[in-house]
């Protein structure tokens, strides 16, 4: 669930009439890396972030146990993010 926004809304646009909520599906298809045993996927995150680029989906990697390990994406204005998830020692 996220804040509803217009298709052409930019990162700095606002709505004087307020906002509504919407459900946004998250779909991805994994591919297997036989060398590492990890699953990889590309995910369009433009439904969640006005900073995301439709032509540059986020890249996610799952470990051999199929738990999320990393997520990374290039965003607008030269920004990017990378998240690494690991078990506590």
N, C-alpha and C. Protein backbone atom coordinates (compact mmCIF):
# COMPACT_ATOMS: atom_id res chain seq x y z
N UNK A 1 0.85 -1.15 0.00
CA UNK A 1 0.00 0.00 0.00
C UNK A 1 0.91 1.23 0.00
N UNK A 2 0.53 2.22 -0.77
CA UNK A 2 1.31 3.45 -0.86
C UNK A 2 0.36 4.62 -1.13
N UNK A 3 0.92 5.80 -1.10
CA UNK A 3 0.15 7.00 -1.41
C UNK A 3 -0.13 7.00 -2.90
N UNK A 4 -1.36 7.23 -3.27
CA UNK A 4 -1.73 7.28 -4.67
C UNK A 4 -1.12 8.52 -5.32
N UNK A 5 -0.64 8.36 -6.55
CA UNK A 5 -0.07 9.51 -7.26
C UNK A 5 -0.36 9.40 -8.74
N UNK A 6 -0.31 10.54 -9.42
CA UNK A 6 -0.55 10.57 -10.86
C UNK A 6 0.62 9.93 -11.59
N UNK A 7 0.38 9.37 -12.76
CA UNK A 7 1.41 8.69 -13.54
C UNK A 7 2.57 9.62 -13.87
N UNK A 8 2.29 10.88 -14.13
CA UNK A 8 3.33 11.83 -14.53
C UNK A 8 3.83 12.69 -13.36
N UNK A 9 3.55 12.31 -12.14
CA UNK A 9 3.96 13.08 -10.96
C UNK A 9 5.47 13.00 -10.77
N UNK A 10 6.07 14.15 -10.52
CA UNK A 10 7.50 14.20 -10.24
C UNK A 10 7.78 14.08 -8.75
N UNK A 11 9.05 14.02 -8.35
CA UNK A 11 9.38 13.85 -6.94
C UNK A 11 9.03 15.06 -6.07
N UNK A 12 8.85 16.24 -6.67
CA UNK A 12 8.54 17.44 -5.88
C UNK A 12 7.09 17.90 -6.03
N UNK A 13 6.27 17.19 -6.79
CA UNK A 13 4.88 17.59 -6.99
C UNK A 13 4.05 17.29 -5.75
N UNK A 14 3.09 18.17 -5.48
CA UNK A 14 2.17 17.97 -4.35
C UNK A 14 0.74 18.11 -4.85
N UNK A 15 -0.19 17.61 -4.08
CA UNK A 15 -1.60 17.70 -4.42
C UNK A 15 -2.31 18.55 -3.38
N UNK A 16 -2.82 19.72 -3.76
CA UNK A 16 -3.50 20.57 -2.79
C UNK A 16 -4.80 19.96 -2.26
N UNK A 17 -5.37 19.00 -2.99
CA UNK A 17 -6.63 18.39 -2.56
C UNK A 17 -6.42 17.17 -1.66
N UNK A 18 -5.17 16.83 -1.36
CA UNK A 18 -4.89 15.69 -0.49
C UNK A 18 -4.56 14.44 -1.29
N UNK A 19 -4.43 13.33 -0.60
CA UNK A 19 -4.01 12.08 -1.23
C UNK A 19 -4.90 10.93 -0.81
N UNK A 20 -4.89 9.90 -1.60
CA UNK A 20 -5.59 8.66 -1.29
C UNK A 20 -4.57 7.53 -1.29
N UNK A 21 -4.95 6.38 -0.77
CA UNK A 21 -4.05 5.22 -0.75
C UNK A 21 -4.39 4.31 -1.92
N UNK A 22 -3.42 3.51 -2.34
CA UNK A 22 -3.64 2.53 -3.40
C UNK A 22 -2.80 1.30 -3.12
N UNK A 23 -3.25 0.17 -3.63
CA UNK A 23 -2.47 -1.06 -3.56
C UNK A 23 -1.60 -1.14 -4.80
N UNK A 24 -0.34 -1.46 -4.61
CA UNK A 24 0.59 -1.57 -5.73
C UNK A 24 1.18 -2.97 -5.71
N UNK A 25 0.95 -3.74 -6.78
CA UNK A 25 1.51 -5.10 -6.81
C UNK A 25 3.02 -5.06 -7.00
N UNK A 26 3.69 -6.02 -6.45
CA UNK A 26 5.13 -6.18 -6.61
C UNK A 26 5.35 -7.53 -7.28
N UNK A 27 5.73 -7.48 -8.55
CA UNK A 27 5.91 -8.72 -9.31
C UNK A 27 7.34 -8.81 -9.80
N UNK A 28 7.88 -10.00 -9.72
CA UNK A 28 9.21 -10.22 -10.26
C UNK A 28 9.37 -11.70 -10.58
N UNK A 29 10.26 -11.97 -11.50
CA UNK A 29 10.55 -13.34 -11.87
C UNK A 29 12.03 -13.57 -11.59
N UNK A 30 12.32 -14.61 -10.85
CA UNK A 30 13.70 -14.89 -10.50
C UNK A 30 14.40 -15.71 -11.58
N UNK A 31 15.70 -15.52 -11.65
CA UNK A 31 16.55 -16.35 -12.49
C UNK A 31 17.62 -16.93 -11.58
N UNK A 32 18.05 -18.11 -11.88
CA UNK A 32 19.03 -18.80 -11.03
C UNK A 32 20.45 -18.60 -11.55
N UNK A 33 21.36 -18.31 -10.65
CA UNK A 33 22.79 -18.24 -10.97
C UNK A 33 23.39 -19.57 -10.54
N UNK A 34 23.62 -20.45 -11.48
CA UNK A 34 24.10 -21.80 -11.17
C UNK A 34 25.46 -21.79 -10.47
N UNK A 35 26.30 -20.80 -10.76
CA UNK A 35 27.64 -20.75 -10.17
C UNK A 35 27.58 -20.47 -8.67
N UNK A 36 26.64 -19.62 -8.24
CA UNK A 36 26.59 -19.23 -6.82
C UNK A 36 25.42 -19.87 -6.07
N UNK A 37 24.44 -20.39 -6.80
CA UNK A 37 23.26 -20.95 -6.14
C UNK A 37 22.27 -19.90 -5.69
N UNK A 38 22.48 -18.68 -6.12
CA UNK A 38 21.60 -17.59 -5.70
C UNK A 38 20.56 -17.30 -6.78
N UNK A 39 19.43 -16.76 -6.34
CA UNK A 39 18.39 -16.32 -7.25
C UNK A 39 18.51 -14.81 -7.41
N UNK A 40 18.31 -14.32 -8.62
CA UNK A 40 18.36 -12.90 -8.92
C UNK A 40 17.03 -12.48 -9.54
N UNK A 41 16.68 -11.21 -9.35
CA UNK A 41 15.45 -10.70 -9.97
C UNK A 41 15.58 -9.20 -10.19
N UNK A 42 14.83 -8.71 -11.17
CA UNK A 42 14.70 -7.28 -11.41
C UNK A 42 13.28 -6.89 -11.03
N UNK A 43 13.12 -5.77 -10.31
CA UNK A 43 11.81 -5.34 -9.83
C UNK A 43 11.60 -3.88 -10.18
N UNK A 44 10.48 -3.58 -10.82
CA UNK A 44 10.10 -2.20 -11.11
C UNK A 44 9.56 -1.60 -9.82
N UNK A 45 10.28 -0.64 -9.23
CA UNK A 45 9.84 -0.04 -7.97
C UNK A 45 9.25 1.35 -8.16
N UNK A 46 8.91 1.71 -9.41
CA UNK A 46 8.33 3.04 -9.65
C UNK A 46 6.98 3.19 -8.96
N UNK A 47 6.31 2.11 -8.66
CA UNK A 47 5.05 2.18 -7.92
C UNK A 47 5.24 2.56 -6.47
N UNK A 48 6.47 2.47 -5.96
CA UNK A 48 6.76 2.77 -4.56
C UNK A 48 7.55 4.05 -4.37
N UNK A 49 8.26 4.48 -5.39
CA UNK A 49 9.14 5.63 -5.25
C UNK A 49 9.08 6.53 -6.48
N UNK A 50 8.84 7.82 -6.26
CA UNK A 50 8.86 8.79 -7.36
C UNK A 50 10.29 9.00 -7.85
N UNK A 51 11.28 8.55 -7.10
CA UNK A 51 12.68 8.69 -7.49
C UNK A 51 13.16 7.54 -8.36
N UNK A 52 12.40 6.46 -8.42
CA UNK A 52 12.81 5.29 -9.20
C UNK A 52 12.64 5.55 -10.70
N UNK A 53 13.41 4.82 -11.48
CA UNK A 53 13.34 4.92 -12.94
C UNK A 53 12.73 3.64 -13.50
N UNK A 54 11.73 3.80 -14.36
CA UNK A 54 11.06 2.63 -14.94
C UNK A 54 12.02 1.81 -15.80
N UNK A 55 12.96 2.45 -16.47
CA UNK A 55 13.88 1.74 -17.35
C UNK A 55 15.10 1.19 -16.63
N UNK A 56 15.18 1.40 -15.30
CA UNK A 56 16.28 0.85 -14.50
C UNK A 56 15.70 0.20 -13.24
N UNK A 57 15.18 -1.01 -13.37
CA UNK A 57 14.57 -1.67 -12.22
C UNK A 57 15.60 -1.99 -11.12
N UNK A 58 15.09 -2.16 -9.91
CA UNK A 58 15.95 -2.55 -8.80
C UNK A 58 16.42 -3.99 -9.01
N UNK A 59 17.62 -4.28 -8.56
CA UNK A 59 18.18 -5.63 -8.64
C UNK A 59 18.16 -6.24 -7.24
N UNK A 60 17.62 -7.43 -7.11
CA UNK A 60 17.60 -8.12 -5.82
C UNK A 60 18.26 -9.48 -5.97
N UNK A 61 18.88 -9.93 -4.89
CA UNK A 61 19.55 -11.23 -4.85
C UNK A 61 19.08 -11.98 -3.62
N UNK A 62 18.77 -13.26 -3.81
CA UNK A 62 18.37 -14.14 -2.72
C UNK A 62 19.47 -15.17 -2.51
N UNK A 63 19.72 -15.53 -1.27
CA UNK A 63 20.74 -16.52 -0.95
C UNK A 63 20.30 -17.93 -1.27
N UNK A 64 21.19 -18.91 -1.05
CA UNK A 64 20.83 -20.31 -1.29
C UNK A 64 19.62 -20.77 -0.47
N UNK A 65 19.40 -20.11 0.68
CA UNK A 65 18.25 -20.43 1.52
C UNK A 65 16.99 -19.67 1.09
N UNK A 66 17.10 -18.90 -0.03
CA UNK A 66 16.01 -18.12 -0.62
C UNK A 66 15.58 -16.94 0.24
N UNK A 67 16.46 -16.49 1.10
CA UNK A 67 16.19 -15.27 1.87
C UNK A 67 16.85 -14.09 1.17
N UNK A 68 16.21 -12.95 1.24
CA UNK A 68 16.73 -11.75 0.59
C UNK A 68 18.11 -11.40 1.14
N UNK A 69 19.07 -11.18 0.24
CA UNK A 69 20.43 -10.79 0.63
C UNK A 69 20.75 -9.35 0.29
N UNK A 70 20.43 -8.92 -0.94
CA UNK A 70 20.73 -7.55 -1.36
C UNK A 70 19.61 -6.99 -2.22
N UNK A 71 19.50 -5.67 -2.20
CA UNK A 71 18.62 -4.93 -3.10
C UNK A 71 19.35 -3.65 -3.46
N UNK A 72 19.34 -3.29 -4.73
CA UNK A 72 20.06 -2.09 -5.17
C UNK A 72 19.33 -1.48 -6.36
N UNK A 73 19.42 -0.14 -6.47
CA UNK A 73 18.80 0.53 -7.61
C UNK A 73 19.45 1.88 -7.84
N UNK A 74 19.51 2.29 -9.09
CA UNK A 74 19.90 3.64 -9.45
C UNK A 74 18.63 4.47 -9.53
N UNK A 75 18.67 5.66 -8.94
CA UNK A 75 17.50 6.53 -8.89
C UNK A 75 17.78 7.81 -9.67
N UNK A 76 16.82 8.74 -9.68
CA UNK A 76 17.02 9.99 -10.40
C UNK A 76 18.03 10.88 -9.69
N UNK A 77 18.49 11.89 -10.39
CA UNK A 77 19.42 12.89 -9.87
C UNK A 77 20.74 12.28 -9.42
N UNK A 78 21.12 11.14 -10.01
CA UNK A 78 22.40 10.52 -9.70
C UNK A 78 22.46 9.81 -8.36
N UNK A 79 21.33 9.60 -7.73
CA UNK A 79 21.31 8.91 -6.44
C UNK A 79 21.12 7.41 -6.66
N UNK A 80 21.43 6.64 -5.64
CA UNK A 80 21.26 5.20 -5.69
C UNK A 80 21.12 4.67 -4.27
N UNK A 81 20.71 3.43 -4.16
CA UNK A 81 20.69 2.78 -2.85
C UNK A 81 21.12 1.34 -3.00
N UNK A 82 21.70 0.80 -1.94
CA UNK A 82 22.03 -0.62 -1.87
C UNK A 82 21.80 -1.06 -0.44
N UNK A 83 21.08 -2.16 -0.29
CA UNK A 83 20.77 -2.73 1.02
C UNK A 83 21.35 -4.13 1.07
N UNK A 84 22.08 -4.43 2.12
CA UNK A 84 22.60 -5.78 2.33
C UNK A 84 22.01 -6.30 3.64
N UNK A 85 21.51 -7.50 3.59
CA UNK A 85 20.87 -8.10 4.76
C UNK A 85 21.68 -9.32 5.17
N UNK A 86 22.04 -9.39 6.44
CA UNK A 86 22.81 -10.52 6.94
C UNK A 86 22.32 -10.89 8.33
N UNK A 87 22.49 -12.14 8.69
CA UNK A 87 22.12 -12.61 10.02
C UNK A 87 23.06 -12.02 11.05
N UNK A 88 22.52 -11.70 12.20
CA UNK A 88 23.35 -11.17 13.30
C UNK A 88 24.29 -12.25 13.80
N UNK A 89 25.49 -11.85 14.12
CA UNK A 89 26.48 -12.81 14.61
C UNK A 89 26.36 -13.04 16.09
